[in-house]
Amino acid sequence: MTFEEMRLDFITRRNGSLALPITGIIAYSAAALLSLLVDPRWHNLVLTLCFWSIMPIGALMMKLRGEELGDPVANPLFGLAAKGRWMALATWSVHIMVWIYAPELFPVTIGICFALHWVIFSWTLNHPVGYIHLAMRIMFVIAAWHLVPSNRMGAVAAGIALAYAISVMMLSRIDWKARLAVA
């Protein structure tokens, strides 16, 4: 399989790769809403629980959308995508220390660090959507953290959900077969 065939196989079997960004909208919108109901002392715990809900909700969403995780032996791009997610998950070693020693910054590290795997996603697809997503996350998270000091976690979570919503819109408008046939 050529590299371009791997790209087409990846995006075809992932059915547009919308399940995980849709899941991000759900999880971070829930965190933003819960921030209005839960005592601020528990905001970091709420954010953590919503973050870790992404995996089971994402698995369900992938099943409902008919998306495949793919075989990393048959197509190494599936393995690369998984490694990118593991790379982003490794940032929990930083998040835990921030939660302990600088808890007010915890939403910032969660909001930005887990978007790092979008760089690999962009490279895999040869499309800027991942770079744009990461840039939006950085801008929205930092702006929300500074502009809403009374509910930083809720504002940051809302900013992340907005970045996901824009990325879902971008991904859903791409004609992958036509784009990859030209590449």
C-alpha atoms as a PDB file:
ATOM      1  CA  MET A   1       0.000   0.000   0.000  1.00  0.00           C
ATOM      2  CA  THR A   2       1.393   3.419  -0.944  1.00  0.00           C
ATOM      3  CA  PHE A   3       1.411   6.238   1.570  1.00  0.00           C
ATOM      4  CA  GLU A   4      -1.491   7.972  -0.191  1.00  0.00           C
ATOM      5  CA  GLU A   5      -3.439   4.691  -0.164  1.00  0.00           C
ATOM      6  CA  MET A   6      -2.746   4.451   3.592  1.00  0.00           C
ATOM      7  CA  ARG A   7      -4.140   7.957   4.057  1.00  0.00           C
ATOM      8  CA  LEU A   8      -7.276   7.117   2.063  1.00  0.00           C
ATOM      9  CA  ASP A   9      -7.691   3.835   3.968  1.00  0.00           C
ATOM     10  CA  PHE A  10      -7.276   5.669   7.289  1.00  0.00           C
ATOM     11  CA  ILE A  11      -9.868   8.349   6.605  1.00  0.00           C
ATOM     12  CA  THR A  12     -12.277   5.911   4.894  1.00  0.00           C
ATOM     13  CA  ARG A  13     -12.194   3.396   7.744  1.00  0.00           C
ATOM     14  CA  ARG A  14     -12.450   6.215  10.278  1.00  0.00           C
ATOM     15  CA  ASN A  15     -15.535   7.456   8.375  1.00  0.00           C
ATOM     16  CA  GLY A  16     -14.374  11.073   8.424  1.00  0.00           C
ATOM     17  CA  SER A  17     -12.908  10.883  11.957  1.00  0.00           C
ATOM     18  CA  LEU A  18     -15.814  12.689  13.589  1.00  0.00           C
ATOM     19  CA  ALA A  19     -16.530  10.415  16.576  1.00  0.00           C
ATOM     20  CA  LEU A  20     -13.747  11.592  18.866  1.00  0.00           C
ATOM     21  CA  PRO A  21     -14.221  15.337  18.230  1.00  0.00           C
ATOM     22  CA  ILE A  22     -17.983  14.916  18.744  1.00  0.00           C
ATOM     23  CA  THR A  23     -17.140  13.153  21.996  1.00  0.00           C
ATOM     24  CA  GLY A  24     -14.942  16.108  22.956  1.00  0.00           C
ATOM     25  CA  ILE A  25     -17.905  18.431  22.495  1.00  0.00           C
ATOM     26  CA  ILE A  26     -20.011  16.217  24.769  1.00  0.00           C
ATOM     27  CA  ALA A  27     -17.398  15.753  27.502  1.00  0.00           C
ATOM     28  CA  TYR A  28     -16.207  19.352  27.717  1.00  0.00           C
ATOM     29  CA  SER A  29     -19.732  20.790  27.431  1.00  0.00           C
ATOM     30  CA  ALA A  30     -20.686  18.575  30.370  1.00  0.00           C
ATOM     31  CA  ALA A  31     -17.696  19.906  32.334  1.00  0.00           C
ATOM     32  CA  ALA A  32     -18.675  23.495  31.542  1.00  0.00           C
ATOM     33  CA  LEU A  33     -22.281  22.901  32.627  1.00  0.00           C
ATOM     34  CA  LEU A  34     -21.264  21.017  35.766  1.00  0.00           C
ATOM     35  CA  SER A  35     -18.959  23.889  36.724  1.00  0.00           C
ATOM     36  CA  LEU A  36     -22.116  25.953  37.249  1.00  0.00           C
ATOM     37  CA  LEU A  37     -23.586  23.368  39.629  1.00  0.00           C
ATOM     38  CA  VAL A  38     -20.601  22.023  41.547  1.00  0.00           C
ATOM     39  CA  ASP A  39     -18.663  23.809  44.268  1.00  0.00           C
ATOM     40  CA  PRO A  40     -15.476  25.310  42.762  1.00  0.00           C
ATOM     41  CA  ARG A  41     -13.355  23.218  45.151  1.00  0.00           C
ATOM     42  CA  TRP A  42     -14.390  20.195  43.070  1.00  0.00           C
ATOM     43  CA  HIS A  43     -13.932  21.708  39.594  1.00  0.00           C
ATOM     44  CA  ASN A  44     -10.649  19.927  38.884  1.00  0.00           C
ATOM     45  CA  LEU A  45     -12.194  16.595  39.844  1.00  0.00           C
ATOM     46  CA  VAL A  46     -15.178  17.300  37.574  1.00  0.00           C
ATOM     47  CA  LEU A  47     -12.820  18.179  34.722  1.00  0.00           C
ATOM     48  CA  THR A  48     -10.828  14.989  35.326  1.00  0.00           C
ATOM     49  CA  LEU A  49     -13.945  12.798  35.328  1.00  0.00           C
ATOM     50  CA  CYS A  50     -15.244  14.442  32.163  1.00  0.00           C
ATOM     51  CA  PHE A  51     -11.837  14.031  30.519  1.00  0.00           C
ATOM     52  CA  TRP A  52     -11.688  10.311  31.313  1.00  0.00           C
ATOM     53  CA  SER A  53     -15.276   9.851  30.096  1.00  0.00           C
ATOM     54  CA  ILE A  54     -13.971  10.584  26.598  1.00  0.00           C
ATOM     55  CA  MET A  55     -12.710   7.029  26.104  1.00  0.00           C
ATOM     56  CA  PRO A  56     -15.947   5.110  26.780  1.00  0.00           C
ATOM     57  CA  ILE A  57     -18.130   7.757  25.124  1.00  0.00           C
ATOM     58  CA  GLY A  58     -15.725   7.865  22.161  1.00  0.00           C
ATOM     59  CA  ALA A  59     -15.813   4.078  21.792  1.00  0.00           C
ATOM     60  CA  LEU A  60     -19.616   4.171  21.745  1.00  0.00           C
ATOM     61  CA  MET A  61     -19.646   7.084  19.300  1.00  0.00           C
ATOM     62  CA  MET A  62     -17.195   5.261  16.994  1.00  0.00           C
ATOM     63  CA  LYS A  63     -19.420   2.182  17.049  1.00  0.00           C
ATOM     64  CA  LEU A  64     -22.541   4.233  16.301  1.00  0.00           C
ATOM     65  CA  ARG A  65     -20.793   6.054  13.429  1.00  0.00           C
ATOM     66  CA  GLY A  66     -19.209   2.908  12.002  1.00  0.00           C
ATOM     67  CA  GLU A  67     -15.654   4.140  12.557  1.00  0.00           C
ATOM     68  CA  GLU A  68     -12.845   1.604  12.831  1.00  0.00           C
ATOM     69  CA  LEU A  69      -9.681   1.861  14.906  1.00  0.00           C
ATOM     70  CA  GLY A  70      -7.930  -0.040  12.113  1.00  0.00           C
ATOM     71  CA  ASP A  71      -5.122  -2.561  12.049  1.00  0.00           C
ATOM     72  CA  PRO A  72      -1.737  -0.919  12.720  1.00  0.00           C
ATOM     73  CA  VAL A  73       0.042  -3.792  10.945  1.00  0.00           C
ATOM     74  CA  ALA A  74      -1.964  -3.427   7.738  1.00  0.00           C
ATOM     75  CA  ASN A  75      -1.863   0.374   7.923  1.00  0.00           C
ATOM     76  CA  PRO A  76       0.779   1.954  10.187  1.00  0.00           C
ATOM     77  CA  LEU A  77      -1.158   5.243  10.279  1.00  0.00           C
ATOM     78  CA  PHE A  78      -3.588   3.630  12.726  1.00  0.00           C
ATOM     79  CA  GLY A  79      -0.655   2.773  14.969  1.00  0.00           C
ATOM     80  CA  LEU A  80       0.689   6.305  14.661  1.00  0.00           C
ATOM     81  CA  ALA A  81      -2.703   7.743  15.668  1.00  0.00           C
ATOM     82  CA  ALA A  82      -2.776   5.502  18.744  1.00  0.00           C
ATOM     83  CA  LYS A  83       0.794   6.490  19.657  1.00  0.00           C
ATOM     84  CA  GLY A  84      -0.174  10.152  19.351  1.00  0.00           C
ATOM     85  CA  ARG A  85      -3.005   9.656  21.821  1.00  0.00           C
ATOM     86  CA  TRP A  86      -0.618   7.819  24.188  1.00  0.00           C
ATOM     87  CA  MET A  87       1.800  10.733  23.866  1.00  0.00           C
ATOM     88  CA  ALA A  88      -0.921  13.178  24.880  1.00  0.00           C
ATOM     89  CA  LEU A  89      -2.046  10.903  27.732  1.00  0.00           C
ATOM     90  CA  ALA A  90       1.531  10.880  29.065  1.00  0.00           C
ATOM     91  CA  THR A  91       1.048  14.558  29.903  1.00  0.00           C
ATOM     92  CA  TRP A  92      -0.972  13.386  32.911  1.00  0.00           C
ATOM     93  CA  SER A  93       2.395  13.175  34.673  1.00  0.00           C
ATOM     94  CA  VAL A  94       2.427  16.978  34.400  1.00  0.00           C
ATOM     95  CA  HIS A  95      -1.301  17.458  35.098  1.00  0.00           C
ATOM     96  CA  ILE A  96      -1.096  15.626  38.414  1.00  0.00           C
ATOM     97  CA  MET A  97       1.778  17.797  39.616  1.00  0.00           C
ATOM     98  CA  VAL A  98      -0.053  20.931  38.493  1.00  0.00           C
ATOM     99  CA  TRP A  99      -3.231  19.778  40.274  1.00  0.00           C
ATOM    100  CA  ILE A 100      -1.238  19.334  43.499  1.00  0.00           C
ATOM    101  CA  TYR A 101       1.002  22.418  43.371  1.00  0.00           C
ATOM    102  CA  ALA A 102      -0.815  24.918  41.140  1.00  0.00           C
ATOM    103  CA  PRO A 103      -4.451  23.740  40.997  1.00  0.00           C
ATOM    104  CA  GLU A 104      -5.732  26.957  39.414  1.00  0.00           C
ATOM    105  CA  LEU A 105      -3.643  26.136  36.307  1.00  0.00           C
ATOM    106  CA  PHE A 106      -4.954  22.566  35.987  1.00  0.00           C
ATOM    107  CA  PRO A 107      -7.653  23.451  33.388  1.00  0.00           C
ATOM    108  CA  VAL A 108      -4.981  25.140  31.256  1.00  0.00           C
ATOM    109  CA  THR A 109      -2.732  22.078  31.128  1.00  0.00           C
ATOM    110  CA  ILE A 110      -5.654  19.748  30.427  1.00  0.00           C
ATOM    111  CA  GLY A 111      -7.016  22.104  27.792  1.00  0.00           C
ATOM    112  CA  ILE A 112      -3.807  22.504  25.836  1.00  0.00           C
ATOM    113  CA  CYS A 113      -1.758  19.333  26.362  1.00  0.00           C
ATOM    114  CA  PHE A 114      -4.344  16.855  25.207  1.00  0.00           C
ATOM    115  CA  ALA A 115      -4.643  18.690  21.898  1.00  0.00           C
ATOM    116  CA  LEU A 116      -1.027  17.847  21.026  1.00  0.00           C
ATOM    117  CA  HIS A 117      -1.985  14.652  19.169  1.00  0.00           C
ATOM    118  CA  TRP A 118      -3.919  16.773  16.665  1.00  0.00           C
ATOM    119  CA  VAL A 119      -0.545  17.631  15.073  1.00  0.00           C
ATOM    120  CA  ILE A 120      -0.068  13.967  14.177  1.00  0.00           C
ATOM    121  CA  PHE A 121      -3.669  13.798  12.979  1.00  0.00           C
ATOM    122  CA  SER A 122      -3.057  16.769  10.649  1.00  0.00           C
ATOM    123  CA  TRP A 123       0.128  15.246   9.291  1.00  0.00           C
ATOM    124  CA  THR A 124      -1.599  11.893   8.744  1.00  0.00           C
ATOM    125  CA  LEU A 125      -4.369  13.515   6.746  1.00  0.00           C
ATOM    126  CA  ASN A 126      -2.152  16.095   5.036  1.00  0.00           C
ATOM    127  CA  HIS A 127      -4.720  18.688   6.079  1.00  0.00           C
ATOM    128  CA  PRO A 128      -4.380  21.684   8.441  1.00  0.00           C
ATOM    129  CA  VAL A 129      -7.451  20.862  10.583  1.00  0.00           C
ATOM    130  CA  GLY A 130      -5.309  19.500  13.427  1.00  0.00           C
ATOM    131  CA  TYR A 131      -2.962  22.480  13.474  1.00  0.00           C
ATOM    132  CA  ILE A 132      -5.975  24.781  13.478  1.00  0.00           C
ATOM    133  CA  HIS A 133      -7.570  22.777  16.303  1.00  0.00           C
ATOM    134  CA  LEU A 134      -4.414  23.024  18.416  1.00  0.00           C
ATOM    135  CA  ALA A 135      -4.127  26.773  17.760  1.00  0.00           C
ATOM    136  CA  MET A 136      -7.775  27.296  18.696  1.00  0.00           C
ATOM    137  CA  ARG A 137      -7.330  25.283  21.890  1.00  0.00           C
ATOM    138  CA  ILE A 138      -4.325  27.375  22.903  1.00  0.00           C
ATOM    139  CA  MET A 139      -6.081  30.683  22.188  1.00  0.00           C
ATOM    140  CA  PHE A 140      -9.488  29.718  23.620  1.00  0.00           C
ATOM    141  CA  VAL A 141      -8.030  28.147  26.778  1.00  0.00           C
ATOM    142  CA  ILE A 142      -5.719  31.038  27.586  1.00  0.00           C
ATOM    143  CA  ALA A 143      -8.399  33.634  26.796  1.00  0.00           C
ATOM    144  CA  ALA A 144     -11.050  31.818  28.855  1.00  0.00           C
ATOM    145  CA  TRP A 145      -8.689  31.398  31.804  1.00  0.00           C
ATOM    146  CA  HIS A 146      -7.897  35.124  31.826  1.00  0.00           C
ATOM    147  CA  LEU A 147     -11.367  36.457  31.008  1.00  0.00           C
ATOM    148  CA  VAL A 148     -13.449  34.390  33.454  1.00  0.00           C
ATOM    149  CA  PRO A 149     -11.514  34.225  36.738  1.00  0.00           C
ATOM    150  CA  SER A 150     -14.681  33.390  38.684  1.00  0.00           C
ATOM    151  CA  ASN A 151     -15.145  30.078  36.821  1.00  0.00           C
ATOM    152  CA  ARG A 152     -11.938  29.301  34.984  1.00  0.00           C
ATOM    153  CA  MET A 153     -12.603  25.585  34.630  1.00  0.00           C
ATOM    154  CA  GLY A 154     -16.049  26.155  33.146  1.00  0.00           C
ATOM    155  CA  ALA A 155     -14.814  28.804  30.749  1.00  0.00           C
ATOM    156  CA  VAL A 156     -11.836  26.701  29.659  1.00  0.00           C
ATOM    157  CA  ALA A 157     -14.083  23.662  29.138  1.00  0.00           C
ATOM    158  CA  ALA A 158     -16.486  25.768  27.067  1.00  0.00           C
ATOM    159  CA  GLY A 159     -13.563  27.009  24.965  1.00  0.00           C
ATOM    160  CA  ILE A 160     -12.399  23.444  24.354  1.00  0.00           C
ATOM    161  CA  ALA A 161     -15.935  22.398  23.373  1.00  0.00           C
ATOM    162  CA  LEU A 162     -16.057  25.322  20.941  1.00  0.00           C
ATOM    163  CA  ALA A 163     -12.733  24.283  19.367  1.00  0.00           C
ATOM    164  CA  TYR A 164     -14.089  20.753  18.939  1.00  0.00           C
ATOM    165  CA  ALA A 165     -17.327  22.051  17.391  1.00  0.00           C
ATOM    166  CA  ILE A 166     -15.393  24.110  14.848  1.00  0.00           C
ATOM    167  CA  SER A 167     -13.157  21.113  14.062  1.00  0.00           C
ATOM    168  CA  VAL A 168     -16.177  18.839  13.575  1.00  0.00           C
ATOM    169  CA  MET A 169     -17.628  21.393  11.180  1.00  0.00           C
ATOM    170  CA  MET A 170     -14.325  21.590   9.281  1.00  0.00           C
ATOM    171  CA  LEU A 171     -13.910  17.797   9.111  1.00  0.00           C
ATOM    172  CA  SER A 172     -17.496  17.228   7.986  1.00  0.00           C
ATOM    173  CA  ARG A 173     -17.065  19.594   5.027  1.00  0.00           C
ATOM    174  CA  ILE A 174     -14.028  17.875   3.538  1.00  0.00           C
ATOM    175  CA  ASP A 175     -14.510  15.642   0.490  1.00  0.00           C
ATOM    176  CA  TRP A 176     -11.732  13.210   1.439  1.00  0.00           C
ATOM    177  CA  LYS A 177     -11.929  10.944  -1.578  1.00  0.00           C
ATOM    178  CA  ALA A 178     -11.643  13.853  -4.014  1.00  0.00           C
ATOM    179  CA  ARG A 179      -8.910  15.512  -1.933  1.00  0.00           C
ATOM    180  CA  LEU A 180      -6.799  12.373  -1.597  1.00  0.00           C
ATOM    181  CA  ALA A 181      -7.307  11.357  -5.233  1.00  0.00           C
ATOM    182  CA  VAL A 182      -5.652  14.637  -6.283  1.00  0.00           C
ATOM    183  CA  ALA A 183      -2.785  14.408  -3.769  1.00  0.00           C
END
